Amino acid sequence: MSCIATIVKLRWSLLLAVMRKSVGQTIGYVIALLAALGVISTAANVGNALGANPAFAGPGAPLWDVLNVAMVFGGSLLTVLVVVVQVMFLGEGTAVSPRMFALYGIKDGTLTFALFIAGLCGVPTLTGVLSLLLLARSYRGAGSAAVIMGVVAAPLAVITIMWISKVVIALLTTLANTRRGKSVMYIAVFLLFVLACQLPNILVGPQDFASFNVKPLLGSSSVLAFTPLGAAFQLPFDAAAGNWAAVGVHLAVLVATWALCYLCCLWCLKRERLSAENHTVATTKGIGAFASAHDSVSGAISARLATYMRRDPRLIPLSVMPLLFVLLFAVQFHDSNTAVWQSLIWVCLFLFIAEGNGLAYDGNGFAMEVLSGVRGIDDRLGRVRAQIVLLVAYVALVTVVVFVITGDWRTSGGVMTGFTFAAAGLGTGLCALGFAEVISPVLMYPVASMERPMSSPQGHGAAQFFLPLLQLLGGLVLMLPTGIVAVVLALGGDWASWYWVMLPVSLANGVIVLVAGVQLGGKLLESRMLKVLSTLELFASLQH
């Protein structure tokens, strides 16, 4: 118990140390706490409203089955989303990972359990438990047994979600031991994320709530209730119906899941300690991208960045993911070709999230530039040259794909629509790239190491979440002139006949922002080069 208490204390000590050192981190955590309070308050209001409504007053009530299906499906979807977000964006904290305790002689079982308890003590898990506890008020019309079981189910559900997240990360980290394997794994997980987001539309489809028929979903809900995803959320409904045998079965499913996850984590920990990490060396004939690069300092930087983009397991998935916006828009708005074309804008906006923190991805490799006396403007030009090639290829590929999906290539008006949105996407991408070149020397946050892409530096979750949002918002704001022109044309009436105006406006907007961003970003990098290098050294220390 003393070991467990020490590791829990260590987690909070590291968090408080980061907050004392960084005002930005403190502000981020204050915002996160306010968001948590908002979630808890919403759960309390929903619980009070449902509990006071006679339509949800237990078995036989008009909407009791709807509540049952909603809780089980919603809880299952929440579990999948939490696991995917944990794998894709948060990962395993590097400061309280099993690797950091390898030299202390802690038994594997004790260490695994202690790290799990430390994970339960975080703000997200405490927010989840409190929210589910307050939602238990929804069952008060069904009797005290349902409410008590709802209170019991709240921590059980959070524990289950945490165990599943922990074992998924452990298995993927252990089994995907090559860089290519990690990249493929990231893409597969993101596809799962997209499927989970679209699951409600696939199962229910668009329809009015008044005409919603819950009966076809009760069977699927019952199946999910006997899986780890929905077992905890079914417990109050079994108690309300007096079906205590089902309660016992669902509790057994949860306990068996915890035991299996614990054993899997133990196996992963032992396997990692007993086997050396598999390092693969990529070989290229000749000098690779440097052979076709411009013979200049910025050309060498472009070639180096292009090489990293092909091999870095952290960058490859981030480059592929924006393509999935096309799939989302095509499924969600299949009746509107214009809405599908809109995916081009979002694809280009999200494409440069990694570039907004590009120096952190370079890591200590940036020291070569500092030692070589590379000017800030040359660094920005080199990075922009490589990224523009990626942007143009993306726009061309997505434009062809959307033409095939919508069939707009058959008409001149459809072709004009496609080219207009392609120009808007290209302009948005240039704005996002220009803004990224400005903020990357100023607003940096630590990223996972190349060897362990599913890790996350302890205490920097707020920055990893809010700074990309700031980058996306900045890219949209800089595209505002084009948006104003579009609104004016739309208010003028015959919008389609003015499509051709948007092509030069979008491109000019993007080019102007990009040129300004390269110039300003180069000056900022020039003045902050030593500060950037010291920050990158700090980030490198957080990765081990």
Protein backbone atom coordinates (compact mmCIF):
# COMPACT_ATOMS: atom_id res chain seq x y z
CA MET A 1 0.00 0.00 0.00
CA SER A 2 2.88 2.40 0.71
CA CYS A 3 4.21 1.84 -2.82
CA ILE A 4 0.79 2.59 -4.31
CA ALA A 5 0.43 5.73 -2.19
CA THR A 6 3.90 6.90 -3.23
CA ILE A 7 3.18 6.53 -6.95
CA VAL A 8 -0.16 8.34 -6.59
CA LYS A 9 1.60 11.13 -4.70
CA LEU A 10 4.28 11.24 -7.40
CA ARG A 11 1.66 11.77 -10.09
CA TRP A 12 0.20 14.79 -8.33
CA SER A 13 3.62 16.15 -7.37
CA LEU A 14 4.69 16.12 -11.02
CA LEU A 15 1.47 17.83 -12.05
CA LEU A 16 1.85 20.58 -9.44
CA ALA A 17 5.50 21.05 -10.38
CA VAL A 18 4.58 21.62 -14.03
CA MET A 19 1.85 24.08 -13.05
CA ARG A 20 4.23 26.06 -10.82
CA LYS A 21 6.79 26.25 -13.62
CA SER A 22 4.46 27.27 -16.45
CA VAL A 23 1.76 29.94 -16.31
CA GLY A 24 0.34 28.63 -19.58
CA GLN A 25 -0.06 25.15 -18.10
CA THR A 26 -1.81 26.62 -15.07
CA ILE A 27 -4.23 28.52 -17.28
CA GLY A 28 -4.85 25.37 -19.31
CA TYR A 29 -5.67 23.35 -16.22
CA VAL A 30 -7.99 26.06 -14.92
CA ILE A 31 -9.86 25.91 -18.22
CA ALA A 32 -9.93 22.10 -17.98
CA LEU A 33 -11.34 22.31 -14.45
CA LEU A 34 -14.03 24.73 -15.60
CA ALA A 35 -14.93 22.33 -18.42
CA ALA A 36 -15.10 19.48 -15.88
CA LEU A 37 -17.41 21.52 -13.67
CA GLY A 38 -19.59 22.18 -16.71
CA VAL A 39 -19.84 18.45 -17.45
CA ILE A 40 -20.71 17.68 -13.82
CA SER A 41 -23.33 20.44 -13.74
CA THR A 42 -24.89 19.19 -16.97
CA ALA A 43 -25.06 15.64 -15.59
CA ALA A 44 -26.76 16.92 -12.43
CA ASN A 45 -29.37 18.84 -14.44
CA VAL A 46 -30.04 15.90 -16.74
CA GLY A 47 -30.39 13.54 -13.77
CA ASN A 48 -32.84 15.86 -12.04
CA ALA A 49 -34.91 16.39 -15.19
CA LEU A 50 -35.17 12.69 -16.07
CA GLY A 51 -35.85 11.63 -12.49
CA ALA A 52 -38.72 14.11 -12.17
CA ASN A 53 -40.32 13.04 -15.46
CA PRO A 54 -43.03 10.36 -15.02
CA ALA A 55 -42.21 9.03 -18.51
CA PHE A 56 -38.98 7.62 -17.05
CA ALA A 57 -40.48 6.25 -13.83
CA GLY A 58 -39.36 2.63 -14.14
CA PRO A 59 -40.40 -0.48 -16.11
CA GLY A 60 -43.67 0.07 -17.93
CA ALA A 61 -43.19 3.84 -18.22
CA PRO A 62 -43.44 5.18 -21.79
CA LEU A 63 -39.77 6.16 -22.18
CA TRP A 64 -38.08 3.72 -19.79
CA ASP A 65 -36.91 1.50 -22.65
CA VAL A 66 -35.58 4.55 -24.49
CA LEU A 67 -33.54 5.47 -21.41
CA ASN A 68 -32.24 1.90 -21.19
CA VAL A 69 -31.12 1.85 -24.81
CA ALA A 70 -29.64 5.35 -24.55
CA MET A 71 -27.59 4.52 -21.45
CA VAL A 72 -26.23 1.23 -22.77
CA PHE A 73 -25.47 2.50 -26.27
CA GLY A 74 -24.20 5.83 -24.95
CA GLY A 75 -22.00 4.13 -22.36
CA SER A 76 -20.59 1.72 -24.95
CA LEU A 77 -19.87 4.55 -27.36
CA LEU A 78 -18.27 6.57 -24.55
CA THR A 79 -15.99 3.64 -23.73
CA VAL A 80 -14.83 3.31 -27.34
CA LEU A 81 -14.27 7.06 -27.70
CA VAL A 82 -12.28 7.29 -24.47
CA VAL A 83 -10.05 4.41 -25.54
CA VAL A 84 -9.48 5.89 -29.00
CA VAL A 85 -8.74 9.39 -27.66
CA GLN A 86 -6.39 7.89 -25.08
CA VAL A 87 -4.52 5.97 -27.77
CA MET A 88 -4.46 8.70 -30.41
CA PHE A 89 -3.84 11.85 -28.39
CA LEU A 90 -2.95 11.20 -24.76
CA GLY A 91 -1.18 7.88 -24.65
CA GLU A 92 0.76 6.66 -21.66
CA GLY A 93 2.33 9.28 -19.41
CA THR A 94 6.10 9.08 -19.71
CA ALA A 95 6.69 10.15 -16.11
CA VAL A 96 4.55 7.42 -14.55
CA SER A 97 5.07 4.68 -17.12
CA PRO A 98 6.34 1.21 -16.16
CA ARG A 99 9.69 1.96 -17.85
CA MET A 100 10.48 4.69 -15.33
CA PHE A 101 10.27 2.23 -12.43
CA ALA A 102 12.34 -0.56 -13.99
CA LEU A 103 15.31 0.03 -11.69
CA TYR A 104 13.45 0.10 -8.37
CA GLY A 105 12.71 -3.59 -7.93
CA ILE A 106 8.94 -3.17 -7.62
CA LYS A 107 7.01 -6.36 -8.25
CA ASP A 108 5.22 -6.40 -11.58
CA GLY A 109 1.80 -6.95 -10.01
CA THR A 110 2.24 -4.16 -7.49
CA LEU A 111 3.56 -1.76 -10.12
CA THR A 112 0.72 -2.50 -12.54
CA PHE A 113 -1.92 -1.98 -9.87
CA ALA A 114 -0.24 1.17 -8.50
CA LEU A 115 -0.06 2.79 -11.94
CA PHE A 116 -3.71 1.94 -12.50
CA ILE A 117 -4.74 3.56 -9.20
CA ALA A 118 -2.65 6.61 -10.08
CA GLY A 119 -4.55 6.84 -13.37
CA LEU A 120 -7.86 6.74 -11.50
CA CYS A 121 -6.86 9.79 -9.47
CA GLY A 122 -6.81 12.15 -12.43
CA VAL A 123 -9.29 14.95 -13.13
CA PRO A 124 -10.97 13.19 -16.12
CA THR A 125 -11.72 10.02 -14.15
CA LEU A 126 -12.98 11.92 -11.10
CA THR A 127 -15.18 13.99 -13.41
CA GLY A 128 -16.57 10.81 -14.97
CA VAL A 129 -17.37 9.22 -11.61
CA LEU A 130 -19.11 12.34 -10.27
CA SER A 131 -21.10 12.78 -13.48
CA LEU A 132 -22.33 9.18 -13.47
CA LEU A 133 -23.17 9.42 -9.77
CA LEU A 134 -25.34 12.46 -10.46
CA LEU A 135 -26.96 10.72 -13.44
CA ALA A 136 -28.10 8.01 -11.02
CA ARG A 137 -30.86 10.43 -9.98
CA SER A 138 -32.48 9.59 -13.32
CA TYR A 139 -33.57 6.24 -11.85
CA ARG A 140 -35.29 7.53 -8.72
CA GLY A 141 -38.72 7.00 -10.24
CA ALA A 142 -37.90 3.29 -10.58
CA GLY A 143 -37.23 2.80 -6.86
CA SER A 144 -34.36 2.85 -4.40
CA ALA A 145 -32.81 -0.37 -5.74
CA ALA A 146 -32.26 1.21 -9.18
CA VAL A 147 -30.75 4.37 -7.65
CA ILE A 148 -28.40 2.39 -5.38
CA MET A 149 -27.31 0.22 -8.29
CA GLY A 150 -26.79 3.36 -10.39
CA VAL A 151 -24.49 4.72 -7.66
CA VAL A 152 -22.60 1.42 -7.57
CA ALA A 153 -22.38 1.27 -11.36
CA ALA A 154 -20.73 4.72 -11.66
CA PRO A 155 -17.26 3.77 -10.32
CA LEU A 156 -17.52 0.31 -11.90
CA ALA A 157 -18.02 1.87 -15.34
CA VAL A 158 -15.06 4.23 -14.94
CA ILE A 159 -12.82 1.42 -13.67
CA THR A 160 -13.77 -0.69 -16.68
CA ILE A 161 -13.06 2.13 -19.13
CA MET A 162 -9.68 2.75 -17.51
CA TRP A 163 -8.69 -0.94 -17.57
CA ILE A 164 -9.67 -1.29 -21.24
CA SER A 165 -7.74 1.87 -22.16
CA LYS A 166 -4.69 0.71 -20.23
CA VAL A 167 -4.63 -2.76 -21.77
CA VAL A 168 -5.17 -1.46 -25.32
CA ILE A 169 -2.23 0.94 -24.97
CA ALA A 170 -0.07 -1.78 -23.40
CA LEU A 171 -0.84 -4.30 -26.15
CA LEU A 172 -0.33 -1.84 -28.99
CA THR A 173 2.92 -0.57 -27.49
CA THR A 174 4.21 -4.10 -27.03
CA LEU A 175 3.05 -5.64 -30.30
CA ALA A 176 3.56 -2.71 -32.68
CA ASN A 177 7.32 -2.62 -32.19
CA THR A 178 8.31 -1.23 -35.59
CA ARG A 179 7.77 2.29 -36.86
CA ARG A 180 5.72 1.12 -39.82
CA GLY A 181 3.61 -1.04 -37.52
CA LYS A 182 2.97 1.93 -35.24
CA SER A 183 1.91 4.08 -38.20
CA VAL A 184 -0.50 1.42 -39.46
CA MET A 185 -1.85 1.00 -35.94
CA TYR A 186 -2.54 4.74 -35.64
CA ILE A 187 -4.48 4.78 -38.90
CA ALA A 188 -6.49 1.71 -37.88
CA VAL A 189 -7.37 3.29 -34.53
CA PHE A 190 -8.49 6.48 -36.22
CA LEU A 191 -10.71 4.49 -38.57
CA LEU A 192 -12.26 2.94 -35.47
CA PHE A 193 -12.79 6.46 -34.13
CA VAL A 194 -14.61 7.48 -37.32
CA LEU A 195 -16.78 4.35 -37.17
CA ALA A 196 -17.64 5.02 -33.53
CA CYS A 197 -18.65 8.60 -34.35
CA GLN A 198 -20.92 7.41 -37.16
CA LEU A 199 -22.38 4.48 -35.23
CA PRO A 200 -25.49 6.39 -33.98
CA ASN A 201 -26.35 7.46 -37.54
CA ILE A 202 -25.79 3.95 -38.86
CA LEU A 203 -27.94 2.30 -36.18
CA VAL A 204 -30.71 4.87 -35.81
CA GLY A 205 -30.56 7.10 -38.86
CA PRO A 206 -32.18 10.52 -39.14
CA GLN A 207 -35.73 10.52 -37.83
CA ASP A 208 -37.98 12.50 -35.52
CA PHE A 209 -37.82 11.65 -31.84
CA ALA A 210 -41.61 11.46 -31.73
CA SER A 211 -41.61 8.66 -34.31
CA PHE A 212 -38.58 6.93 -32.86
CA ASN A 213 -39.14 3.19 -32.40
CA VAL A 214 -36.91 1.75 -29.69
CA LYS A 215 -38.03 -1.88 -30.02
CA PRO A 216 -35.56 -2.87 -32.80
CA LEU A 217 -32.68 -1.57 -30.70
CA LEU A 218 -33.58 -3.40 -27.51
CA GLY A 219 -32.06 -6.62 -28.82
CA SER A 220 -28.76 -4.92 -29.71
CA SER A 221 -28.81 -3.18 -26.34
CA SER A 222 -29.23 -6.51 -24.56
CA VAL A 223 -26.23 -7.95 -26.42
CA LEU A 224 -24.06 -4.94 -25.56
CA ALA A 225 -25.12 -5.26 -21.93
CA PHE A 226 -23.34 -8.62 -21.73
CA THR A 227 -20.06 -7.12 -22.99
CA PRO A 228 -17.57 -5.02 -21.01
CA LEU A 229 -18.70 -1.98 -22.99
CA GLY A 230 -22.26 -1.86 -21.65
CA ALA A 231 -22.44 -4.18 -18.63
CA ALA A 232 -22.04 -1.46 -15.99
CA PHE A 233 -24.66 0.78 -17.61
CA GLN A 234 -27.25 -2.02 -17.62
CA LEU A 235 -27.08 -2.68 -13.86
CA PRO A 236 -29.69 -0.07 -12.71
CA PHE A 237 -32.24 -1.37 -15.22
CA ASP A 238 -31.77 -4.96 -14.07
CA ALA A 239 -32.22 -3.83 -10.46
CA ALA A 240 -35.37 -1.89 -11.36
CA ALA A 241 -36.82 -5.00 -12.99
CA GLY A 242 -35.83 -7.19 -10.01
CA ASN A 243 -33.67 -9.34 -12.27
CA TRP A 244 -30.88 -10.03 -9.76
CA ALA A 245 -29.55 -12.98 -11.72
CA ALA A 246 -28.77 -10.64 -14.61
CA VAL A 247 -27.15 -8.24 -12.14
CA GLY A 248 -24.86 -11.05 -11.00
CA VAL A 249 -23.96 -11.99 -14.58
CA HIS A 250 -23.13 -8.41 -15.52
CA LEU A 251 -21.00 -7.97 -12.40
CA ALA A 252 -19.19 -11.19 -13.28
CA VAL A 253 -18.51 -9.84 -16.78
CA LEU A 254 -16.97 -6.71 -15.27
CA VAL A 255 -14.82 -8.59 -12.77
CA ALA A 256 -13.64 -11.02 -15.45
CA THR A 257 -12.75 -8.06 -17.70
CA TRP A 258 -10.69 -6.43 -14.95
CA ALA A 259 -8.85 -9.68 -14.24
CA LEU A 260 -8.12 -10.29 -17.91
CA CYS A 261 -6.88 -6.71 -18.41
CA TYR A 262 -4.66 -7.02 -15.34
CA LEU A 263 -3.12 -10.25 -16.63
CA CYS A 264 -2.60 -8.76 -20.11
CA CYS A 265 -0.84 -5.73 -18.62
CA LEU A 266 1.40 -8.05 -16.59
CA TRP A 267 2.25 -10.05 -19.71
CA CYS A 268 3.07 -6.87 -21.68
CA LEU A 269 5.27 -5.58 -18.87
CA LYS A 270 7.22 -8.85 -18.60
CA ARG A 271 7.57 -9.19 -22.36
CA GLU A 272 8.90 -5.65 -22.69
CA ARG A 273 11.49 -6.25 -19.97
CA LEU A 274 12.67 -9.54 -21.40
CA SER A 275 12.84 -8.58 -25.06
CA ALA A 276 14.90 -5.90 -26.70
CA GLU A 277 13.15 -3.23 -28.71
CA ASN A 278 13.09 -3.93 -32.43
CA HIS A 279 14.87 -1.13 -34.22
CA THR A 280 14.75 -1.13 -37.99
CA VAL A 281 17.07 0.88 -40.19
CA ALA A 282 15.56 2.38 -43.30
CA THR A 283 17.82 2.24 -46.34
CA THR A 284 17.56 4.44 -49.40
CA LYS A 285 19.49 4.24 -52.65
CA GLY A 286 21.55 7.34 -53.20
CA ILE A 287 20.82 10.40 -51.09
CA GLY A 288 17.05 10.20 -51.25
CA ALA A 289 15.10 13.46 -51.21
CA PHE A 290 18.34 15.48 -51.16
CA ALA A 291 18.97 14.51 -54.79
CA SER A 292 15.96 16.49 -56.03
CA ALA A 293 16.16 19.31 -53.47
CA HIS A 294 17.02 22.88 -54.37
CA ASP A 295 20.77 23.51 -53.98
CA SER A 296 20.50 25.90 -51.06
CA VAL A 297 20.18 25.93 -47.30
CA SER A 298 16.38 26.02 -47.47
CA GLY A 299 16.46 23.20 -50.04
CA ALA A 300 18.41 20.99 -47.63
CA ILE A 301 15.85 21.72 -44.91
CA SER A 302 13.04 20.80 -47.32
CA ALA A 303 14.73 17.47 -48.09
CA ARG A 304 15.30 16.74 -44.41
CA LEU A 305 11.65 17.49 -43.58
CA ALA A 306 10.41 15.36 -46.50
CA THR A 307 12.53 12.46 -45.22
CA TYR A 308 11.13 12.83 -41.70
CA MET A 309 7.56 13.02 -42.97
CA ARG A 310 7.95 9.64 -44.70
CA ARG A 311 9.53 7.84 -41.75
CA ASP A 312 8.31 9.45 -38.53
CA PRO A 313 5.55 7.23 -37.04
CA ARG A 314 4.07 10.30 -35.34
CA LEU A 315 3.70 12.31 -38.57
CA ILE A 316 2.47 9.68 -41.03
CA PRO A 317 -0.92 9.13 -39.32
CA LEU A 318 -1.43 12.89 -38.90
CA SER A 319 -0.88 13.25 -42.64
CA VAL A 320 -3.35 10.51 -43.52
CA MET A 321 -6.12 11.36 -41.05
CA PRO A 322 -7.44 14.49 -42.85
CA LEU A 323 -8.45 12.29 -45.80
CA LEU A 324 -11.03 10.70 -43.53
CA PHE A 325 -12.92 13.99 -43.38
CA VAL A 326 -14.05 13.21 -46.90
CA LEU A 327 -15.51 9.92 -45.68
CA LEU A 328 -17.26 11.64 -42.77
CA PHE A 329 -18.84 14.32 -44.94
CA ALA A 330 -19.78 11.82 -47.65
CA VAL A 331 -21.61 9.60 -45.13
CA GLN A 332 -23.15 12.42 -43.09
CA PHE A 333 -24.21 14.69 -45.99
CA HIS A 334 -24.63 12.26 -48.87
CA ASP A 335 -27.70 14.19 -50.09
CA SER A 336 -25.81 17.48 -50.51
CA ASN A 337 -22.92 17.68 -52.93
CA THR A 338 -21.98 21.15 -51.68
CA ALA A 339 -21.58 19.82 -48.13
CA VAL A 340 -19.33 17.03 -49.37
CA TRP A 341 -17.18 19.55 -51.25
CA GLN A 342 -16.85 21.46 -48.00
CA SER A 343 -14.66 18.64 -46.69
CA LEU A 344 -11.83 20.08 -48.81
CA ILE A 345 -11.66 23.13 -46.55
CA TRP A 346 -11.49 21.09 -43.35
CA VAL A 347 -8.97 18.65 -44.81
CA CYS A 348 -6.59 21.50 -45.61
CA LEU A 349 -7.18 23.20 -42.25
CA PHE A 350 -6.32 20.09 -40.24
CA LEU A 351 -3.43 19.07 -42.47
CA PHE A 352 -0.87 21.31 -40.76
CA ILE A 353 -1.60 20.63 -37.08
CA ALA A 354 1.77 18.90 -36.76
CA GLU A 355 3.55 21.76 -38.55
CA GLY A 356 2.22 24.18 -35.93
CA ASN A 357 4.45 22.28 -33.49
CA GLY A 358 7.03 21.26 -36.09
CA LEU A 359 10.10 22.23 -34.07
CA ALA A 360 9.01 19.95 -31.22
CA TYR A 361 8.72 17.07 -33.70
CA ASP A 362 12.24 17.89 -34.95
CA GLY A 363 13.49 17.70 -31.36
CA ASN A 364 17.23 17.94 -30.81
CA GLY A 365 17.76 17.59 -34.54
CA PHE A 366 17.08 21.32 -34.68
CA ALA A 367 20.44 21.79 -32.91
CA MET A 368 22.15 21.07 -36.26
CA GLU A 369 20.57 24.19 -37.71
CA VAL A 370 21.60 26.31 -34.74
CA LEU A 371 25.20 25.05 -34.87
CA SER A 372 25.33 25.58 -38.64
CA GLY A 373 24.14 29.17 -38.38
CA VAL A 374 20.96 28.64 -40.42
CA ARG A 375 18.88 31.80 -40.68
CA GLY A 376 15.31 31.74 -39.45
CA ILE A 377 13.94 32.72 -42.85
CA ASP A 378 15.78 29.82 -44.51
CA ASP A 379 14.26 27.39 -42.02
CA ARG A 380 10.75 28.72 -42.66
CA LEU A 381 11.21 28.68 -46.44
CA GLY A 382 12.52 25.12 -46.37
CA ARG A 383 9.65 23.87 -44.27
CA VAL A 384 7.05 25.69 -46.35
CA ARG A 385 8.42 24.31 -49.63
CA ALA A 386 8.03 20.71 -48.44
CA GLN A 387 4.59 21.35 -46.95
CA ILE A 388 3.25 23.05 -50.09
CA VAL A 389 4.06 19.94 -52.12
CA LEU A 390 2.01 17.92 -49.63
CA LEU A 391 -0.83 20.47 -49.75
CA VAL A 392 -1.09 20.52 -53.55
CA ALA A 393 -1.03 16.72 -53.69
CA TYR A 394 -3.77 16.57 -51.06
CA VAL A 395 -6.00 19.07 -52.83
CA ALA A 396 -5.59 17.27 -56.16
CA LEU A 397 -6.32 13.85 -54.65
CA VAL A 398 -9.33 14.96 -52.59
CA THR A 399 -10.76 16.91 -55.53
CA VAL A 400 -10.68 13.81 -57.73
CA VAL A 401 -12.20 11.67 -54.96
CA VAL A 402 -15.06 14.11 -54.34
CA PHE A 403 -15.74 14.42 -58.07
CA VAL A 404 -16.16 10.64 -58.16
CA ILE A 405 -18.38 10.63 -55.05
CA THR A 406 -20.66 13.48 -56.12
CA GLY A 407 -20.64 12.93 -59.90
CA ASP A 408 -20.24 16.69 -60.42
CA TRP A 409 -17.69 16.08 -63.18
CA ARG A 410 -20.62 15.40 -65.52
CA THR A 411 -21.78 19.04 -65.66
CA SER A 412 -19.98 22.33 -66.21
CA GLY A 413 -21.64 23.80 -63.11
CA GLY A 414 -20.47 20.87 -61.04
CA VAL A 415 -16.92 21.21 -62.36
CA MET A 416 -16.96 24.91 -61.47
CA THR A 417 -18.20 24.07 -57.97
CA GLY A 418 -15.38 21.58 -57.52
CA PHE A 419 -12.69 24.00 -58.68
CA THR A 420 -14.09 26.73 -56.44
CA PHE A 421 -13.93 24.56 -53.34
CA ALA A 422 -10.51 23.27 -54.38
CA ALA A 423 -9.28 26.88 -54.49
CA ALA A 424 -10.94 27.58 -51.13
CA GLY A 425 -9.26 24.52 -49.64
CA LEU A 426 -5.91 25.50 -51.08
CA GLY A 427 -6.27 29.02 -49.71
CA THR A 428 -7.27 27.68 -46.29
CA GLY A 429 -4.29 25.35 -46.28
CA LEU A 430 -1.93 28.22 -47.14
CA CYS A 431 -3.40 30.32 -44.32
CA ALA A 432 -3.05 27.44 -41.87
CA LEU A 433 0.54 26.87 -43.02
CA GLY A 434 1.45 30.55 -42.72
CA PHE A 435 -0.02 30.71 -39.20
CA ALA A 436 1.81 27.50 -38.26
CA GLU A 437 5.15 29.02 -39.28
CA VAL A 438 4.49 31.95 -36.93
CA ILE A 439 3.37 30.08 -33.82
CA SER A 440 5.74 27.09 -34.00
CA PRO A 441 8.76 29.04 -32.63
CA VAL A 442 6.60 30.58 -29.88
CA LEU A 443 3.89 28.18 -28.70
CA MET A 444 5.53 24.77 -28.46
CA TYR A 445 4.36 21.76 -26.49
CA PRO A 446 6.11 18.43 -25.88
CA VAL A 447 5.31 15.43 -28.07
CA ALA A 448 5.96 11.73 -27.74
CA SER A 449 9.34 10.35 -28.69
CA MET A 450 9.76 8.70 -32.08
CA GLU A 451 10.39 5.33 -30.40
CA ARG A 452 7.27 5.51 -28.20
CA PRO A 453 4.59 7.43 -30.12
CA MET A 454 1.90 6.26 -27.68
CA SER A 455 3.37 8.13 -24.75
CA SER A 456 2.57 11.56 -23.43
CA PRO A 457 4.82 13.82 -21.33
CA GLN A 458 3.29 14.07 -17.87
CA GLY A 459 1.48 17.28 -17.00
CA HIS A 460 1.21 18.75 -20.51
CA GLY A 461 -2.21 17.44 -21.56
CA ALA A 462 -3.79 20.90 -21.48
CA ALA A 463 -1.24 22.35 -23.90
CA GLN A 464 -1.53 19.33 -26.20
CA PHE A 465 -5.27 19.91 -26.39
CA PHE A 466 -5.69 23.70 -26.46
CA LEU A 467 -2.75 24.80 -28.64
CA PRO A 468 -3.90 22.79 -31.70
CA LEU A 469 -7.36 24.31 -31.22
CA LEU A 470 -5.76 27.75 -31.20
CA GLN A 471 -3.96 26.89 -34.42
CA LEU A 472 -7.18 25.78 -36.12
CA LEU A 473 -8.97 28.92 -34.99
CA GLY A 474 -6.12 31.08 -36.27
CA GLY A 475 -6.25 29.45 -39.69
CA LEU A 476 -10.00 30.11 -39.95
CA VAL A 477 -9.68 33.73 -38.83
CA LEU A 478 -6.97 34.44 -41.40
CA MET A 479 -9.29 33.10 -44.11
CA LEU A 480 -11.92 35.65 -43.05
CA PRO A 481 -11.47 37.96 -46.11
CA THR A 482 -12.47 35.11 -48.39
CA GLY A 483 -15.42 34.33 -46.12
CA ILE A 484 -16.60 37.95 -46.29
CA VAL A 485 -16.48 37.90 -50.09
CA ALA A 486 -18.44 34.63 -50.10
CA VAL A 487 -21.12 36.10 -47.80
CA VAL A 488 -21.43 39.23 -49.95
CA LEU A 489 -21.85 37.14 -53.10
CA ALA A 490 -24.40 34.91 -51.39
CA LEU A 491 -26.44 37.93 -50.25
CA GLY A 492 -26.27 39.29 -53.80
CA GLY A 493 -28.39 36.47 -55.11
CA ASP A 494 -27.08 34.53 -58.11
CA TRP A 495 -24.31 32.79 -56.17
CA ALA A 496 -23.46 30.12 -58.74
CA SER A 497 -22.68 32.65 -61.48
CA TRP A 498 -20.07 34.28 -59.22
CA TYR A 499 -18.19 31.12 -58.37
CA TRP A 500 -15.30 32.19 -60.58
CA VAL A 501 -14.66 35.22 -58.31
CA MET A 502 -13.83 32.95 -55.38
CA LEU A 503 -10.89 31.26 -57.14
CA PRO A 504 -8.53 34.26 -57.28
CA VAL A 505 -9.81 35.62 -53.95
CA SER A 506 -9.13 32.37 -52.09
CA LEU A 507 -5.70 31.90 -53.63
CA ALA A 508 -4.68 35.53 -53.07
CA ASN A 509 -5.83 35.35 -49.44
CA GLY A 510 -3.77 32.22 -48.84
CA VAL A 511 -0.64 33.44 -50.64
CA ILE A 512 -0.61 36.79 -48.80
CA VAL A 513 -0.99 35.11 -45.41
CA LEU A 514 1.69 32.53 -46.24
CA VAL A 515 4.23 35.15 -47.35
CA ALA A 516 3.57 37.23 -44.25
CA GLY A 517 3.76 34.12 -42.05
CA VAL A 518 7.11 33.05 -43.50
CA GLN A 519 8.58 36.52 -42.98
CA LEU A 520 7.26 36.95 -39.44
CA GLY A 521 7.99 33.36 -38.48
CA GLY A 522 11.56 33.69 -39.76
CA LYS A 523 12.15 36.81 -37.65
CA LEU A 524 10.64 35.19 -34.55
CA LEU A 525 12.76 32.07 -34.99
CA GLU A 526 15.87 34.17 -35.55
CA SER A 527 15.33 36.06 -32.29
CA ARG A 528 14.29 33.02 -30.25
CA MET A 529 16.63 30.37 -31.66
CA LEU A 530 18.56 29.72 -28.42
CA LYS A 531 15.35 29.77 -26.38
CA VAL A 532 13.79 27.28 -28.78
CA LEU A 533 16.82 25.01 -28.48
CA SER A 534 16.71 25.04 -24.66
CA THR A 535 12.98 24.30 -24.76
CA LEU A 536 13.55 21.35 -27.08
CA GLU A 537 16.19 19.99 -24.69
CA LEU A 538 13.62 20.20 -21.89
CA PHE A 539 11.08 18.38 -24.06
CA ALA A 540 13.63 15.65 -24.80
CA SER A 541 14.15 15.11 -21.06
CA LEU A 542 10.39 14.63 -20.63
CA GLN A 543 10.34 11.84 -23.22
CA HIS A 544 12.54 9.46 -21.18
